């Protein structure tokens, strides 16, 4: 479980982690960003996870396909 900074929203901190994993290539293009897995890994509610995916989608880092999920965007 992640140690959270109490001065920043959890979703921002999780988004930083996912952004880093994408930048490092740990999550390559087309990698499935699983909301369920994020909920479990970070110990947060689905609403928090949805804020993370919305932020990453707005930045163009992930693409969401209805019924399929969110995937790392091609660079």
N, C-alpha and C. Protein backbone atom coordinates (compact mmCIF):
# COMPACT_ATOMS: atom_id res chain seq x y z
N UNK A 1 0.85 -1.20 0.00
CA UNK A 1 0.00 0.00 0.00
C UNK A 1 0.89 1.25 0.00
N UNK A 2 0.43 2.23 -0.69
CA UNK A 2 1.19 3.47 -0.87
C UNK A 2 1.04 4.39 0.36
N UNK A 3 2.12 5.10 0.67
CA UNK A 3 2.06 6.12 1.73
C UNK A 3 1.58 7.40 1.07
N UNK A 4 0.45 7.92 1.50
CA UNK A 4 -0.10 9.12 0.88
C UNK A 4 0.35 10.39 1.59
N UNK A 5 0.56 11.43 0.78
CA UNK A 5 0.87 12.77 1.28
C UNK A 5 -0.48 13.39 1.65
N UNK A 6 -0.69 13.71 2.94
CA UNK A 6 -1.99 14.25 3.36
C UNK A 6 -2.31 15.63 2.79
N UNK A 7 -1.33 16.28 2.15
CA UNK A 7 -1.57 17.62 1.62
C UNK A 7 -2.03 17.62 0.16
N UNK A 8 -2.09 16.44 -0.46
CA UNK A 8 -2.52 16.34 -1.87
C UNK A 8 -3.59 15.26 -2.02
N UNK A 9 -4.56 15.49 -2.92
CA UNK A 9 -5.59 14.47 -3.14
C UNK A 9 -4.96 13.14 -3.58
N UNK A 10 -5.53 12.04 -3.07
CA UNK A 10 -5.01 10.71 -3.41
C UNK A 10 -4.99 10.47 -4.91
N UNK A 11 -6.06 10.89 -5.61
CA UNK A 11 -6.11 10.62 -7.05
C UNK A 11 -4.94 11.26 -7.79
N UNK A 12 -4.49 12.43 -7.34
CA UNK A 12 -3.35 13.10 -7.98
C UNK A 12 -2.07 12.29 -7.77
N UNK A 13 -1.93 11.76 -6.56
CA UNK A 13 -0.73 10.98 -6.24
C UNK A 13 -0.69 9.67 -7.03
N UNK A 14 -1.86 9.04 -7.17
CA UNK A 14 -1.94 7.80 -7.94
C UNK A 14 -1.68 8.10 -9.42
N UNK A 15 -2.23 9.21 -9.93
CA UNK A 15 -2.00 9.60 -11.32
C UNK A 15 -0.49 9.80 -11.56
N UNK A 16 0.21 10.37 -10.59
CA UNK A 16 1.67 10.54 -10.71
C UNK A 16 2.37 9.19 -10.88
N UNK A 17 1.95 8.21 -10.09
CA UNK A 17 2.54 6.87 -10.15
C UNK A 17 2.29 6.24 -11.53
N UNK A 18 1.05 6.31 -12.00
CA UNK A 18 0.71 5.72 -13.30
C UNK A 18 1.46 6.45 -14.42
N UNK A 19 1.53 7.79 -14.35
CA UNK A 19 2.27 8.59 -15.33
C UNK A 19 3.73 8.14 -15.41
N UNK A 20 4.32 7.92 -14.22
CA UNK A 20 5.71 7.47 -14.13
C UNK A 20 5.88 6.10 -14.79
N UNK A 21 4.95 5.19 -14.51
CA UNK A 21 5.02 3.84 -15.09
C UNK A 21 4.90 3.88 -16.61
N UNK A 22 4.08 4.79 -17.12
CA UNK A 22 3.95 4.94 -18.57
C UNK A 22 5.25 5.50 -19.14
N UNK A 23 5.80 6.54 -18.50
CA UNK A 23 7.04 7.17 -18.96
C UNK A 23 8.22 6.19 -18.93
N UNK A 24 8.27 5.34 -17.90
CA UNK A 24 9.36 4.36 -17.76
C UNK A 24 9.21 3.17 -18.69
N UNK A 25 8.05 3.05 -19.35
CA UNK A 25 7.83 1.90 -20.22
C UNK A 25 7.34 0.67 -19.49
N UNK A 26 7.13 0.79 -18.17
CA UNK A 26 6.58 -0.33 -17.39
C UNK A 26 5.17 -0.65 -17.91
N UNK A 27 4.45 0.41 -18.31
CA UNK A 27 3.14 0.27 -18.94
C UNK A 27 3.30 0.72 -20.39
N UNK A 28 3.56 -0.23 -21.32
CA UNK A 28 3.79 0.14 -22.72
C UNK A 28 2.48 0.52 -23.44
N UNK A 29 2.57 1.07 -24.67
CA UNK A 29 1.37 1.37 -25.43
C UNK A 29 0.44 0.15 -25.52
N UNK A 30 -0.85 0.41 -25.43
CA UNK A 30 -1.91 -0.62 -25.46
C UNK A 30 -2.03 -1.42 -24.18
N UNK A 31 -1.25 -1.11 -23.14
CA UNK A 31 -1.34 -1.81 -21.86
C UNK A 31 -2.67 -1.44 -21.20
N UNK A 32 -3.39 -2.44 -20.71
CA UNK A 32 -4.68 -2.20 -20.05
C UNK A 32 -4.47 -1.57 -18.67
N UNK A 33 -5.08 -0.42 -18.47
CA UNK A 33 -5.06 0.24 -17.16
C UNK A 33 -6.34 -0.20 -16.45
N UNK A 34 -6.22 -1.19 -15.60
CA UNK A 34 -7.38 -1.79 -14.94
C UNK A 34 -7.82 -1.00 -13.71
N UNK A 35 -9.08 -0.55 -13.72
CA UNK A 35 -9.63 0.17 -12.56
C UNK A 35 -9.68 -0.74 -11.34
N UNK A 36 -10.04 -1.98 -11.55
CA UNK A 36 -10.12 -2.94 -10.43
C UNK A 36 -8.74 -3.13 -9.80
N UNK A 37 -7.73 -3.30 -10.65
CA UNK A 37 -6.37 -3.50 -10.15
C UNK A 37 -5.89 -2.26 -9.39
N UNK A 38 -6.21 -1.06 -9.92
CA UNK A 38 -5.82 0.18 -9.22
C UNK A 38 -6.50 0.27 -7.86
N UNK A 39 -7.79 -0.05 -7.83
CA UNK A 39 -8.53 -0.03 -6.55
C UNK A 39 -7.81 -0.90 -5.52
N UNK A 40 -7.43 -2.11 -5.94
CA UNK A 40 -6.78 -3.06 -5.03
C UNK A 40 -5.37 -2.61 -4.67
N UNK A 41 -4.58 -2.22 -5.66
CA UNK A 41 -3.19 -1.83 -5.40
C UNK A 41 -3.08 -0.62 -4.50
N UNK A 42 -3.94 0.39 -4.73
CA UNK A 42 -3.82 1.64 -3.99
C UNK A 42 -4.79 1.74 -2.82
N UNK A 43 -5.69 0.77 -2.68
CA UNK A 43 -6.62 0.76 -1.56
C UNK A 43 -7.57 1.95 -1.55
N UNK A 44 -8.08 2.28 -2.74
CA UNK A 44 -8.99 3.43 -2.85
C UNK A 44 -10.31 3.01 -3.50
N UNK A 45 -11.30 3.90 -3.42
CA UNK A 45 -12.63 3.66 -3.99
C UNK A 45 -12.61 3.84 -5.50
N UNK A 46 -13.60 3.25 -6.16
CA UNK A 46 -13.69 3.35 -7.62
C UNK A 46 -13.82 4.80 -8.07
N UNK A 47 -14.49 5.65 -7.30
CA UNK A 47 -14.62 7.07 -7.69
C UNK A 47 -13.25 7.74 -7.76
N UNK A 48 -12.35 7.38 -6.86
CA UNK A 48 -10.99 7.92 -6.87
C UNK A 48 -10.26 7.47 -8.12
N UNK A 49 -10.39 6.18 -8.44
CA UNK A 49 -9.76 5.60 -9.62
C UNK A 49 -10.28 6.28 -10.89
N UNK A 50 -11.57 6.58 -10.92
CA UNK A 50 -12.17 7.24 -12.10
C UNK A 50 -11.60 8.64 -12.30
N UNK A 51 -11.27 9.33 -11.20
CA UNK A 51 -10.63 10.65 -11.32
C UNK A 51 -9.25 10.51 -11.93
N UNK A 52 -8.54 9.44 -11.55
CA UNK A 52 -7.21 9.17 -12.10
C UNK A 52 -7.31 8.95 -13.61
N UNK A 53 -8.22 8.06 -14.03
CA UNK A 53 -8.33 7.76 -15.46
C UNK A 53 -8.80 8.99 -16.25
N UNK A 54 -9.70 9.79 -15.67
CA UNK A 54 -10.17 11.01 -16.35
C UNK A 54 -9.00 11.98 -16.57
N UNK A 55 -8.16 12.14 -15.55
CA UNK A 55 -7.01 13.05 -15.66
C UNK A 55 -6.02 12.57 -16.72
N UNK A 56 -5.71 11.27 -16.70
CA UNK A 56 -4.75 10.72 -17.66
C UNK A 56 -5.31 10.77 -19.08
N UNK A 57 -6.62 10.57 -19.21
CA UNK A 57 -7.28 10.66 -20.52
C UNK A 57 -7.20 12.10 -21.04
N UNK A 58 -7.45 13.08 -20.15
CA UNK A 58 -7.38 14.49 -20.53
C UNK A 58 -5.98 14.89 -20.99
N UNK A 59 -4.97 14.22 -20.43
CA UNK A 59 -3.57 14.49 -20.82
C UNK A 59 -3.16 13.73 -22.07
N UNK A 60 -4.04 12.86 -22.56
CA UNK A 60 -3.73 12.08 -23.76
C UNK A 60 -2.84 10.89 -23.51
N UNK A 61 -2.66 10.52 -22.23
CA UNK A 61 -1.79 9.37 -21.90
C UNK A 61 -2.52 8.04 -22.05
N UNK A 62 -3.83 8.05 -21.86
CA UNK A 62 -4.61 6.83 -22.02
C UNK A 62 -5.82 7.10 -22.91
N UNK A 63 -6.31 6.02 -23.51
CA UNK A 63 -7.49 6.07 -24.36
C UNK A 63 -8.48 5.07 -23.78
N UNK A 64 -9.74 5.48 -23.64
CA UNK A 64 -10.76 4.60 -23.09
C UNK A 64 -11.73 4.19 -24.18
N UNK A 65 -11.94 2.87 -24.29
CA UNK A 65 -12.89 2.31 -25.24
C UNK A 65 -14.05 1.74 -24.44
N UNK A 66 -15.27 2.28 -24.62
CA UNK A 66 -16.43 1.76 -23.87
C UNK A 66 -16.56 0.25 -24.02
N UNK A 67 -16.78 -0.42 -22.90
CA UNK A 67 -16.94 -1.86 -22.89
C UNK A 67 -15.63 -2.64 -22.92
N UNK A 68 -14.52 -1.94 -23.12
CA UNK A 68 -13.22 -2.63 -23.18
C UNK A 68 -12.28 -2.18 -22.07
N UNK A 69 -12.27 -0.88 -21.80
CA UNK A 69 -11.38 -0.38 -20.75
C UNK A 69 -10.49 0.73 -21.22
N UNK A 70 -9.52 1.08 -20.36
CA UNK A 70 -8.56 2.15 -20.66
C UNK A 70 -7.20 1.55 -20.97
N UNK A 71 -6.60 2.07 -22.02
CA UNK A 71 -5.31 1.56 -22.48
C UNK A 71 -4.33 2.69 -22.63
N UNK A 72 -3.04 2.38 -22.43
CA UNK A 72 -1.99 3.39 -22.63
C UNK A 72 -2.01 3.78 -24.11
N UNK A 73 -2.03 5.08 -24.37
CA UNK A 73 -2.05 5.60 -25.75
C UNK A 73 -0.72 5.35 -26.44
N UNK A 74 -0.80 5.24 -27.76
CA UNK A 74 0.44 5.13 -28.54
C UNK A 74 1.08 6.50 -28.54
N UNK A 75 2.39 6.53 -28.45
CA UNK A 75 3.11 7.81 -28.39
C UNK A 75 3.19 8.44 -29.77
